[in-house]
Amino acid sequence: MPRATDEPGTPGATEDLIAPPDEPAEPTATRRIAGDTESSRASRGWWDRNADEYQEEHGGFLGDDRFVWGPEGLDEAEAGLLGPADGLKGLTVLEVGAGAAQCSRWLAAQGARPVALDISHRQLRHAMRIDTEAGAAVSAGEAGAGPVALVQADATALPFRDASFDLACSAYGAIPFVADPVRVMREVHRVLRPGARWVFSVTHPVRWAFPDEPGPEGLSVAASYFDRTPYVEQDETGRAVYVEHHRTLGDRVRDVVAGGFRLLDVVEPEWPAWNDQEWGGWSPLRGNLIPGTAIFVCERH
């Protein structure tokens, strides 16, 4: 799921003087090149540090066992982008960038055999926590599908055999945070069986031209849509602590094709009337005017 990339201000001189010496300085935001290794290291570190806050803030919206494609709240139970729910039973499914494995838990409830993969150990600890709580509920007599298989790994180097999955999915996981998304596409292609579906959601590319603000200030174009320079938050030494990469819509399509997939559909969820929450730069105001999420429905050749 998405990270709110609000650009932090640079601390003022007075703040620097009075800040406790053992507290790290607030990272500064910039746009600069960030390669594979730097991006991967920053992503793992950021999610390990921020997983607790993320799950506390957004866990209620995501649920423990819902499959939500993005901040709009589009639910796979209604969208059916992975195929009919009754056709998921018995399928081996890989969730890439699973976070706390909420989507995988929904898949398990449909009878699928999901594997939830994430680069962040702390995110997977939250997945274990939810599974433990769910296990206690099952012991108390409530229905449940049991714990989900969890794997910590980088999406650009999947630790699985060729053709070992029937389906793969990702809800805002991994892809926005890697320097070379084609590497992820090719790895997913490698571990899928022929004809398998690969469905992933990312921030809609048009959003990169607008400030990441939920209010009226987020409705005016402030940057070039065609500027692919990554968004980077870095510490006082210049080390990246958060990296997000921009691709245009055409870039995303070409990435899919270069990865060996056929593009079946691109879904741009509309903001529903029931959803009155703000999530970073996502909000009812903006969501009713410009798309916030793009979902790519692909099929392996």
C-alpha atoms as a PDB file:
ATOM      1  CA  MET A   1       0.000   0.000   0.000  1.00  0.00           C
ATOM      2  CA  PRO A   2       1.077   3.574  -0.627  1.00  0.00           C
ATOM      3  CA  ARG A   3       3.341   5.771   1.377  1.00  0.00           C
ATOM      4  CA  ALA A   4       2.382   9.459   1.693  1.00  0.00           C
ATOM      5  CA  THR A   5       5.340  11.254   0.158  1.00  0.00           C
ATOM      6  CA  ASP A   6       4.742  14.656   1.709  1.00  0.00           C
ATOM      7  CA  GLU A   7       7.955  16.579   1.277  1.00  0.00           C
ATOM      8  CA  PRO A   8       9.307  17.492   4.728  1.00  0.00           C
ATOM      9  CA  GLY A   9      10.730  20.924   5.281  1.00  0.00           C
ATOM     10  CA  THR A  10      14.385  21.428   6.097  1.00  0.00           C
ATOM     11  CA  PRO A  11      14.803  22.076   9.851  1.00  0.00           C
ATOM     12  CA  GLY A  12      15.565  25.676  10.655  1.00  0.00           C
ATOM     13  CA  ALA A  13      18.755  26.841  12.354  1.00  0.00           C
ATOM     14  CA  THR A  14      17.040  27.302  15.735  1.00  0.00           C
ATOM     15  CA  GLU A  15      15.541  23.825  15.613  1.00  0.00           C
ATOM     16  CA  ASP A  16      18.959  22.388  14.806  1.00  0.00           C
ATOM     17  CA  LEU A  17      20.482  24.090  17.860  1.00  0.00           C
ATOM     18  CA  ILE A  18      17.912  22.862  20.335  1.00  0.00           C
ATOM     19  CA  ALA A  19      17.438  19.339  18.961  1.00  0.00           C
ATOM     20  CA  PRO A  20      18.837  16.654  21.280  1.00  0.00           C
ATOM     21  CA  PRO A  21      22.175  15.477  19.900  1.00  0.00           C
ATOM     22  CA  ASP A  22      21.155  11.813  19.932  1.00  0.00           C
ATOM     23  CA  GLU A  23      18.077  12.387  17.732  1.00  0.00           C
ATOM     24  CA  PRO A  24      18.614  11.941  13.982  1.00  0.00           C
ATOM     25  CA  ALA A  25      17.915  14.976  11.840  1.00  0.00           C
ATOM     26  CA  GLU A  26      14.681  15.019   9.856  1.00  0.00           C
ATOM     27  CA  PRO A  27      15.363  13.668   6.363  1.00  0.00           C
ATOM     28  CA  THR A  28      15.270  16.134   3.497  1.00  0.00           C
ATOM     29  CA  ALA A  29      13.392  15.554   0.265  1.00  0.00           C
ATOM     30  CA  THR A  30      14.948  15.857  -3.153  1.00  0.00           C
ATOM     31  CA  ARG A  31      14.739  14.457  -6.667  1.00  0.00           C
ATOM     32  CA  ARG A  32      17.856  12.566  -7.761  1.00  0.00           C
ATOM     33  CA  ILE A  33      19.002   9.303  -9.292  1.00  0.00           C
ATOM     34  CA  ALA A  34      18.915   6.248  -7.024  1.00  0.00           C
ATOM     35  CA  GLY A  35      20.052   2.853  -8.270  1.00  0.00           C
ATOM     36  CA  ASP A  36      18.996  -0.714  -7.487  1.00  0.00           C
ATOM     37  CA  THR A  37      21.049  -1.247  -4.336  1.00  0.00           C
ATOM     38  CA  GLU A  38      20.355   2.160  -2.796  1.00  0.00           C
ATOM     39  CA  SER A  39      16.630   1.866  -3.514  1.00  0.00           C
ATOM     40  CA  SER A  40      16.392  -1.628  -2.043  1.00  0.00           C
ATOM     41  CA  ARG A  41      18.328  -0.692   1.090  1.00  0.00           C
ATOM     42  CA  ALA A  42      16.230   2.430   1.621  1.00  0.00           C
ATOM     43  CA  SER A  43      12.959   0.562   1.126  1.00  0.00           C
ATOM     44  CA  ARG A  44      13.808  -2.163   3.590  1.00  0.00           C
ATOM     45  CA  GLY A  45      14.998   0.332   6.187  1.00  0.00           C
ATOM     46  CA  TRP A  46      12.027   2.673   5.789  1.00  0.00           C
ATOM     47  CA  TRP A  47       9.416  -0.049   6.104  1.00  0.00           C
ATOM     48  CA  ASP A  48      11.199  -1.663   9.056  1.00  0.00           C
ATOM     49  CA  ARG A  49      11.217   1.701  10.858  1.00  0.00           C
ATOM     50  CA  ASN A  50       7.691   2.729   9.910  1.00  0.00           C
ATOM     51  CA  ALA A  51       5.735  -0.539   9.833  1.00  0.00           C
ATOM     52  CA  ASP A  52       4.308  -0.038  13.330  1.00  0.00           C
ATOM     53  CA  GLU A  53       3.005   3.433  12.567  1.00  0.00           C
ATOM     54  CA  TYR A  54       1.715   2.365   9.148  1.00  0.00           C
ATOM     55  CA  GLN A  55      -0.273  -0.576  10.515  1.00  0.00           C
ATOM     56  CA  GLU A  56      -1.611   1.491  13.398  1.00  0.00           C
ATOM     57  CA  GLU A  57      -2.760   4.273  11.059  1.00  0.00           C
ATOM     58  CA  HIS A  58      -4.065   2.209   8.143  1.00  0.00           C
ATOM     59  CA  GLY A  59      -4.701  -1.244   9.589  1.00  0.00           C
ATOM     60  CA  GLY A  60      -8.335  -0.471  10.334  1.00  0.00           C
ATOM     61  CA  PHE A  61      -9.015   0.505   6.723  1.00  0.00           C
ATOM     62  CA  LEU A  62      -7.082  -2.445   5.294  1.00  0.00           C
ATOM     63  CA  GLY A  63      -8.574  -4.948   7.718  1.00  0.00           C
ATOM     64  CA  ASP A  64      -6.862  -8.176   8.705  1.00  0.00           C
ATOM     65  CA  ASP A  65      -8.200 -10.241   5.823  1.00  0.00           C
ATOM     66  CA  ARG A  66      -9.465  -7.893   3.120  1.00  0.00           C
ATOM     67  CA  PHE A  67      -7.964  -7.500  -0.337  1.00  0.00           C
ATOM     68  CA  VAL A  68      -7.936  -3.736  -0.940  1.00  0.00           C
ATOM     69  CA  TRP A  69      -6.303  -2.481  -4.131  1.00  0.00           C
ATOM     70  CA  GLY A  70      -5.642   1.086  -2.991  1.00  0.00           C
ATOM     71  CA  PRO A  71      -6.769   4.125  -0.972  1.00  0.00           C
ATOM     72  CA  GLU A  72     -10.007   4.348  -2.949  1.00  0.00           C
ATOM     73  CA  GLY A  73     -11.058   1.156  -1.197  1.00  0.00           C
ATOM     74  CA  LEU A  74     -11.667  -1.019  -4.266  1.00  0.00           C
ATOM     75  CA  ASP A  75     -12.109  -4.510  -2.862  1.00  0.00           C
ATOM     76  CA  GLU A  76     -11.115  -7.626  -4.796  1.00  0.00           C
ATOM     77  CA  ALA A  77     -14.255  -9.338  -3.513  1.00  0.00           C
ATOM     78  CA  GLU A  78     -16.203  -6.925  -5.713  1.00  0.00           C
ATOM     79  CA  ALA A  79     -13.690  -6.185  -8.483  1.00  0.00           C
ATOM     80  CA  GLY A  80     -12.788  -9.777  -9.393  1.00  0.00           C
ATOM     81  CA  LEU A  81      -9.564  -8.716 -11.118  1.00  0.00           C
ATOM     82  CA  LEU A  82      -7.846 -11.971 -10.170  1.00  0.00           C
ATOM     83  CA  GLY A  83     -10.714 -13.917 -11.695  1.00  0.00           C
ATOM     84  CA  PRO A  84     -13.883 -15.339 -10.130  1.00  0.00           C
ATOM     85  CA  ALA A  85     -13.466 -15.862  -6.391  1.00  0.00           C
ATOM     86  CA  ASP A  86     -14.736 -19.431  -6.644  1.00  0.00           C
ATOM     87  CA  GLY A  87     -11.947 -20.146  -9.135  1.00  0.00           C
ATOM     88  CA  LEU A  88      -9.205 -19.294  -6.623  1.00  0.00           C
ATOM     89  CA  LYS A  89      -9.615 -22.464  -4.590  1.00  0.00           C
ATOM     90  CA  GLY A  90      -6.499 -24.607  -4.705  1.00  0.00           C
ATOM     91  CA  LEU A  91      -4.372 -22.071  -6.596  1.00  0.00           C
ATOM     92  CA  THR A  92      -0.849 -21.271  -5.424  1.00  0.00           C
ATOM     93  CA  VAL A  93      -0.644 -17.463  -5.242  1.00  0.00           C
ATOM     94  CA  LEU A  94       2.318 -15.153  -4.727  1.00  0.00           C
ATOM     95  CA  GLU A  95       1.663 -11.776  -3.136  1.00  0.00           C
ATOM     96  CA  VAL A  96       4.569  -9.395  -3.841  1.00  0.00           C
ATOM     97  CA  GLY A  97       5.170  -6.628  -1.294  1.00  0.00           C
ATOM     98  CA  ALA A  98       2.579  -8.135   1.009  1.00  0.00           C
ATOM     99  CA  GLY A  99       3.109  -5.957   4.077  1.00  0.00           C
ATOM    100  CA  ALA A 100       1.138  -7.604   6.882  1.00  0.00           C
ATOM    101  CA  ALA A 101      -0.360 -10.107   4.393  1.00  0.00           C
ATOM    102  CA  GLN A 102      -3.928  -8.818   4.555  1.00  0.00           C
ATOM    103  CA  CYS A 103      -4.539  -9.673   0.895  1.00  0.00           C
ATOM    104  CA  SER A 104      -3.015 -13.135   1.278  1.00  0.00           C
ATOM    105  CA  ARG A 105      -5.306 -13.809   4.213  1.00  0.00           C
ATOM    106  CA  TRP A 106      -8.323 -13.015   2.028  1.00  0.00           C
ATOM    107  CA  LEU A 107      -6.970 -15.338  -0.659  1.00  0.00           C
ATOM    108  CA  ALA A 108      -6.561 -18.117   1.902  1.00  0.00           C
ATOM    109  CA  ALA A 109     -10.171 -17.640   2.950  1.00  0.00           C
ATOM    110  CA  GLN A 110     -11.168 -18.318  -0.678  1.00  0.00           C
ATOM    111  CA  GLY A 111      -9.317 -21.619  -0.561  1.00  0.00           C
ATOM    112  CA  ALA A 112      -6.122 -20.462  -2.301  1.00  0.00           C
ATOM    113  CA  ARG A 113      -2.620 -21.285  -1.059  1.00  0.00           C
ATOM    114  CA  PRO A 114      -0.925 -17.899  -0.821  1.00  0.00           C
ATOM    115  CA  VAL A 115       2.693 -17.009  -0.093  1.00  0.00           C
ATOM    116  CA  ALA A 116       3.166 -13.467   1.243  1.00  0.00           C
ATOM    117  CA  LEU A 117       6.542 -11.956   0.320  1.00  0.00           C
ATOM    118  CA  ASP A 118       7.929  -8.666   1.608  1.00  0.00           C
ATOM    119  CA  ILE A 119      11.344  -7.034   1.931  1.00  0.00           C
ATOM    120  CA  SER A 120      10.560  -5.766   5.438  1.00  0.00           C
ATOM    121  CA  HIS A 121      11.037  -8.009   8.441  1.00  0.00           C
ATOM    122  CA  ARG A 122       8.952  -5.684  10.590  1.00  0.00           C
ATOM    123  CA  GLN A 123       6.007  -5.783   8.202  1.00  0.00           C
ATOM    124  CA  LEU A 124       6.109  -9.568   8.274  1.00  0.00           C
ATOM    125  CA  ARG A 125       6.210  -9.461  12.077  1.00  0.00           C
ATOM    126  CA  HIS A 126       2.853  -7.686  11.885  1.00  0.00           C
ATOM    127  CA  ALA A 127       1.637 -10.464   9.597  1.00  0.00           C
ATOM    128  CA  MET A 128       2.688 -12.987  12.241  1.00  0.00           C
ATOM    129  CA  ARG A 129       0.937 -10.937  14.929  1.00  0.00           C
ATOM    130  CA  ILE A 130      -2.324 -10.914  12.984  1.00  0.00           C
ATOM    131  CA  ASP A 131      -2.038 -14.653  12.305  1.00  0.00           C
ATOM    132  CA  THR A 132      -1.441 -15.292  16.010  1.00  0.00           C
ATOM    133  CA  GLU A 133      -4.478 -13.227  16.953  1.00  0.00           C
ATOM    134  CA  ALA A 134      -6.533 -15.004  14.289  1.00  0.00           C
ATOM    135  CA  GLY A 135      -5.331 -18.359  15.583  1.00  0.00           C
ATOM    136  CA  ALA A 136      -6.511 -17.475  19.053  1.00  0.00           C
ATOM    137  CA  ALA A 137      -9.883 -16.513  17.619  1.00  0.00           C
ATOM    138  CA  VAL A 138     -10.112 -19.856  15.786  1.00  0.00           C
ATOM    139  CA  SER A 139      -9.290 -21.652  19.026  1.00  0.00           C
ATOM    140  CA  ALA A 140     -12.172 -19.744  20.594  1.00  0.00           C
ATOM    141  CA  GLY A 141     -14.539 -21.106  17.959  1.00  0.00           C
ATOM    142  CA  GLU A 142     -14.432 -18.460  15.227  1.00  0.00           C
ATOM    143  CA  ALA A 143     -13.881 -19.344  11.560  1.00  0.00           C
ATOM    144  CA  GLY A 144     -10.421 -18.877  10.063  1.00  0.00           C
ATOM    145  CA  ALA A 145      -8.124 -20.085   7.302  1.00  0.00           C
ATOM    146  CA  GLY A 146      -4.960 -20.561   9.384  1.00  0.00           C
ATOM    147  CA  PRO A 147      -1.573 -18.802   9.153  1.00  0.00           C
ATOM    148  CA  VAL A 148      -0.199 -17.555   5.831  1.00  0.00           C
ATOM    149  CA  ALA A 149       3.211 -18.641   4.531  1.00  0.00           C
ATOM    150  CA  LEU A 150       5.608 -15.678   4.897  1.00  0.00           C
ATOM    151  CA  VAL A 151       8.864 -15.031   3.031  1.00  0.00           C
ATOM    152  CA  GLN A 152      11.266 -12.123   3.458  1.00  0.00           C
ATOM    153  CA  ALA A 153      12.967 -11.352   0.137  1.00  0.00           C
ATOM    154  CA  ASP A 154      13.587  -8.710  -2.485  1.00  0.00           C
ATOM    155  CA  ALA A 155      11.061  -8.715  -5.334  1.00  0.00           C
ATOM    156  CA  THR A 156      13.883  -8.431  -7.872  1.00  0.00           C
ATOM    157  CA  ALA A 157      15.273 -11.838  -6.794  1.00  0.00           C
ATOM    158  CA  LEU A 158      12.390 -14.156  -5.917  1.00  0.00           C
ATOM    159  CA  PRO A 159      13.540 -17.272  -4.019  1.00  0.00           C
ATOM    160  CA  PHE A 160      11.238 -19.688  -5.831  1.00  0.00           C
ATOM    161  CA  ARG A 161      11.540 -22.275  -8.581  1.00  0.00           C
ATOM    162  CA  ASP A 162      10.426 -21.568 -12.125  1.00  0.00           C
ATOM    163  CA  ALA A 163       6.707 -22.046 -12.837  1.00  0.00           C
ATOM    164  CA  SER A 164       5.770 -22.601  -9.192  1.00  0.00           C
ATOM    165  CA  PHE A 165       2.717 -20.294  -8.926  1.00  0.00           C
ATOM    166  CA  ASP A 166      -0.707 -20.140 -10.580  1.00  0.00           C
ATOM    167  CA  LEU A 167      -1.306 -16.451  -9.857  1.00  0.00           C
ATOM    168  CA  ALA A 168       0.586 -13.374  -8.620  1.00  0.00           C
ATOM    169  CA  CYS A 169      -0.622 -10.059  -7.230  1.00  0.00           C
ATOM    170  CA  SER A 170       0.586  -6.890  -5.562  1.00  0.00           C
ATOM    171  CA  ALA A 171      -1.371  -4.041  -3.993  1.00  0.00           C
ATOM    172  CA  TYR A 172       1.054  -1.093  -3.992  1.00  0.00           C
ATOM    173  CA  GLY A 173       3.882  -3.469  -3.093  1.00  0.00           C
ATOM    174  CA  ALA A 174       7.510  -3.359  -4.262  1.00  0.00           C
ATOM    175  CA  ILE A 175       7.061  -1.999  -7.792  1.00  0.00           C
ATOM    176  CA  PRO A 176       7.055   1.747  -6.973  1.00  0.00           C
ATOM    177  CA  PHE A 177      10.170   1.308  -4.857  1.00  0.00           C
ATOM    178  CA  VAL A 178      12.528  -0.485  -7.258  1.00  0.00           C
ATOM    179  CA  ALA A 179      14.824   1.251  -9.736  1.00  0.00           C
ATOM    180  CA  ASP A 180      14.234  -1.323 -12.474  1.00  0.00           C
ATOM    181  CA  PRO A 181      10.646  -2.607 -12.432  1.00  0.00           C
ATOM    182  CA  VAL A 182      11.291  -4.839 -15.445  1.00  0.00           C
ATOM    183  CA  ARG A 183      13.447  -7.000 -13.156  1.00  0.00           C
ATOM    184  CA  VAL A 184      10.400  -7.569 -10.971  1.00  0.00           C
ATOM    185  CA  MET A 185       8.230  -8.307 -14.024  1.00  0.00           C
ATOM    186  CA  ARG A 186      10.705 -10.880 -15.304  1.00  0.00           C
ATOM    187  CA  GLU A 187      11.042 -12.530 -11.909  1.00  0.00           C
ATOM    188  CA  VAL A 188       7.261 -12.769 -11.535  1.00  0.00           C
ATOM    189  CA  HIS A 189       7.076 -14.124 -15.092  1.00  0.00           C
ATOM    190  CA  ARG A 190       9.702 -16.749 -14.234  1.00  0.00           C
ATOM    191  CA  VAL A 191       7.870 -18.110 -11.178  1.00  0.00           C
ATOM    192  CA  LEU A 192       4.426 -18.143 -12.847  1.00  0.00           C
ATOM    193  CA  ARG A 193       3.042 -20.967 -14.922  1.00  0.00           C
ATOM    194  CA  PRO A 194       2.087 -20.255 -18.565  1.00  0.00           C
ATOM    195  CA  GLY A 195      -1.261 -18.473 -18.835  1.00  0.00           C
ATOM    196  CA  ALA A 196      -1.169 -17.294 -15.227  1.00  0.00           C
ATOM    197  CA  ARG A 197      -2.469 -13.858 -14.285  1.00  0.00           C
ATOM    198  CA  TRP A 198      -0.333 -11.077 -12.704  1.00  0.00           C
ATOM    199  CA  VAL A 199      -2.259  -8.118 -11.280  1.00  0.00           C
ATOM    200  CA  PHE A 200      -0.601  -5.172  -9.543  1.00  0.00           C
ATOM    201  CA  SER A 201      -1.577  -1.682  -8.406  1.00  0.00           C
ATOM    202  CA  VAL A 202       0.570   1.447  -8.151  1.00  0.00           C
ATOM    203  CA  THR A 203       0.080   5.156  -7.701  1.00  0.00           C
ATOM    204  CA  HIS A 204      -1.498   6.466 -10.894  1.00  0.00           C
ATOM    205  CA  PRO A 205       1.342   8.013 -12.929  1.00  0.00           C
ATOM    206  CA  VAL A 206      -0.521  11.300 -13.455  1.00  0.00           C
ATOM    207  CA  ARG A 207      -0.288  11.988  -9.714  1.00  0.00           C
ATOM    208  CA  TRP A 208       3.426  12.716 -10.034  1.00  0.00           C
ATOM    209  CA  ALA A 209       2.662  15.992 -11.777  1.00  0.00           C
ATOM    210  CA  PHE A 210       0.693  17.252  -8.750  1.00  0.00           C
ATOM    211  CA  PRO A 211       1.758  18.119  -5.189  1.00  0.00           C
ATOM    212  CA  ASP A 212       1.143  15.244  -2.798  1.00  0.00           C
ATOM    213  CA  GLU A 213      -1.514  17.141  -0.875  1.00  0.00           C
ATOM    214  CA  PRO A 214      -5.129  16.077  -0.224  1.00  0.00           C
ATOM    215  CA  GLY A 215      -6.599  19.613  -0.377  1.00  0.00           C
ATOM    216  CA  PRO A 216      -7.041  22.215  -3.137  1.00  0.00           C
ATOM    217  CA  GLU A 217      -3.269  22.810  -3.270  1.00  0.00           C
ATOM    218  CA  GLY A 218      -2.975  19.286  -4.649  1.00  0.00           C
ATOM    219  CA  LEU A 219      -5.048  20.092  -7.735  1.00  0.00           C
ATOM    220  CA  SER A 220      -2.572  22.273  -9.639  1.00  0.00           C
ATOM    221  CA  VAL A 221       0.187  20.821 -11.796  1.00  0.00           C
ATOM    222  CA  ALA A 222       3.545  21.546 -10.151  1.00  0.00           C
ATOM    223  CA  ALA A 223       6.008  19.295 -12.005  1.00  0.00           C
ATOM    224  CA  SER A 224       6.507  17.617 -15.348  1.00  0.00           C
ATOM    225  CA  TYR A 225       4.680  14.328 -15.754  1.00  0.00           C
ATOM    226  CA  PHE A 226       7.603  13.238 -17.923  1.00  0.00           C
ATOM    227  CA  ASP A 227      10.284  13.794 -15.270  1.00  0.00           C
ATOM    228  CA  ARG A 228      11.308  10.283 -14.212  1.00  0.00           C
ATOM    229  CA  THR A 229      13.789  11.469 -11.582  1.00  0.00           C
ATOM    230  CA  PRO A 230      13.103   9.494  -8.376  1.00  0.00           C
ATOM    231  CA  TYR A 231      11.715  11.079  -5.226  1.00  0.00           C
ATOM    232  CA  VAL A 232      14.309  10.602  -2.490  1.00  0.00           C
ATOM    233  CA  GLU A 233      14.351  11.385   1.210  1.00  0.00           C
ATOM    234  CA  GLN A 234      17.925  11.436   2.530  1.00  0.00           C
ATOM    235  CA  ASP A 235      19.668  11.909   5.854  1.00  0.00           C
ATOM    236  CA  GLU A 236      22.290  14.523   6.705  1.00  0.00           C
ATOM    237  CA  THR A 237      25.014  12.392   5.093  1.00  0.00           C
ATOM    238  CA  GLY A 238      23.143  12.137   1.799  1.00  0.00           C
ATOM    239  CA  ARG A 239      22.162   8.507   2.368  1.00  0.00           C
ATOM    240  CA  ALA A 240      18.733   7.671   0.969  1.00  0.00           C
ATOM    241  CA  VAL A 241      16.232   6.581   3.615  1.00  0.00           C
ATOM    242  CA  TYR A 242      13.217   6.486   1.298  1.00  0.00           C
ATOM    243  CA  VAL A 243      13.065   6.166  -2.485  1.00  0.00           C
ATOM    244  CA  GLU A 244      10.086   6.073  -4.835  1.00  0.00           C
ATOM    245  CA  HIS A 245      10.367   5.802  -8.605  1.00  0.00           C
ATOM    246  CA  HIS A 246       8.095   7.396 -11.192  1.00  0.00           C
ATOM    247  CA  ARG A 247       7.077   5.769 -14.452  1.00  0.00           C
ATOM    248  CA  THR A 248       4.647   7.233 -16.976  1.00  0.00           C
ATOM    249  CA  LEU A 249       1.623   5.206 -18.018  1.00  0.00           C
ATOM    250  CA  GLY A 250       3.384   4.293 -21.251  1.00  0.00           C
ATOM    251  CA  ASP A 251       6.463   3.227 -19.285  1.00  0.00           C
ATOM    252  CA  ARG A 252       4.360   0.896 -17.161  1.00  0.00           C
ATOM    253  CA  VAL A 253       2.839  -0.706 -20.256  1.00  0.00           C
ATOM    254  CA  ARG A 254       6.264  -1.202 -21.804  1.00  0.00           C
ATOM    255  CA  ASP A 255       7.561  -2.678 -18.526  1.00  0.00           C
ATOM    256  CA  VAL A 256       4.747  -5.232 -18.566  1.00  0.00           C
ATOM    257  CA  VAL A 257       5.470  -6.218 -22.161  1.00  0.00           C
ATOM    258  CA  ALA A 258       9.243  -6.331 -21.590  1.00  0.00           C
ATOM    259  CA  GLY A 259       8.587  -8.681 -18.670  1.00  0.00           C
ATOM    260  CA  GLY A 260       6.893 -11.176 -20.968  1.00  0.00           C
ATOM    261  CA  PHE A 261       3.263 -10.402 -20.186  1.00  0.00           C
ATOM    262  CA  ARG A 262       0.211  -9.526 -22.204  1.00  0.00           C
ATOM    263  CA  LEU A 263      -1.727  -6.551 -20.846  1.00  0.00           C
ATOM    264  CA  LEU A 264      -5.414  -7.372 -20.463  1.00  0.00           C
ATOM    265  CA  ASP A 265      -6.711  -4.244 -18.747  1.00  0.00           C
ATOM    266  CA  VAL A 266      -5.781  -1.060 -16.904  1.00  0.00           C
ATOM    267  CA  VAL A 267      -8.251  -0.224 -14.141  1.00  0.00           C
ATOM    268  CA  GLU A 268      -8.515   3.310 -12.718  1.00  0.00           C
ATOM    269  CA  PRO A 269     -10.757   3.058  -9.636  1.00  0.00           C
ATOM    270  CA  GLU A 270     -13.162   5.930  -9.081  1.00  0.00           C
ATOM    271  CA  TRP A 271     -13.486   7.380  -5.602  1.00  0.00           C
ATOM    272  CA  PRO A 272     -16.620   5.891  -3.964  1.00  0.00           C
ATOM    273  CA  ALA A 273     -19.150   8.003  -2.104  1.00  0.00           C
ATOM    274  CA  TRP A 274     -18.746   5.975   1.107  1.00  0.00           C
ATOM    275  CA  ASN A 275     -15.022   6.692   1.444  1.00  0.00           C
ATOM    276  CA  ASP A 276     -14.515   9.945   3.340  1.00  0.00           C
ATOM    277  CA  GLN A 277     -10.960   9.304   4.564  1.00  0.00           C
ATOM    278  CA  GLU A 278      -7.737  11.024   3.584  1.00  0.00           C
ATOM    279  CA  TRP A 279      -4.630   8.916   3.060  1.00  0.00           C
ATOM    280  CA  GLY A 280      -1.567  11.080   2.423  1.00  0.00           C
ATOM    281  CA  GLY A 281      -2.317  12.823  -0.871  1.00  0.00           C
ATOM    282  CA  TRP A 282      -5.400  10.677  -1.538  1.00  0.00           C
ATOM    283  CA  SER A 283      -8.714  12.267  -0.592  1.00  0.00           C
ATOM    284  CA  PRO A 284     -12.353  12.509  -1.707  1.00  0.00           C
ATOM    285  CA  LEU A 285     -11.655  15.957  -3.196  1.00  0.00           C
ATOM    286  CA  ARG A 286      -8.829  14.791  -5.433  1.00  0.00           C
ATOM    287  CA  GLY A 287     -10.239  11.326  -5.985  1.00  0.00           C
ATOM    288  CA  ASN A 288     -13.385  12.711  -7.573  1.00  0.00           C
ATOM    289  CA  LEU A 289     -11.332  14.752 -10.073  1.00  0.00           C
ATOM    290  CA  ILE A 290      -8.190  12.809 -10.976  1.00  0.00           C
ATOM    291  CA  PRO A 291      -7.265   9.113 -10.696  1.00  0.00           C
ATOM    292  CA  GLY A 292      -5.107   8.039  -7.785  1.00  0.00           C
ATOM    293  CA  THR A 293      -4.484   4.361  -8.518  1.00  0.00           C
ATOM    294  CA  ALA A 294      -3.711   2.336 -11.640  1.00  0.00           C
ATOM    295  CA  ILE A 295      -4.216  -1.431 -11.617  1.00  0.00           C
ATOM    296  CA  PHE A 296      -2.572  -3.477 -14.363  1.00  0.00           C
ATOM    297  CA  VAL A 297      -4.163  -6.816 -15.214  1.00  0.00           C
ATOM    298  CA  CYS A 298      -1.652  -8.987 -17.065  1.00  0.00           C
ATOM    299  CA  GLU A 299      -1.316 -12.543 -18.331  1.00  0.00           C
ATOM    300  CA  ARG A 300       1.866 -14.570 -18.700  1.00  0.00           C
ATOM    301  CA  HIS A 301       2.657 -15.732 -22.224  1.00  0.00           C
END
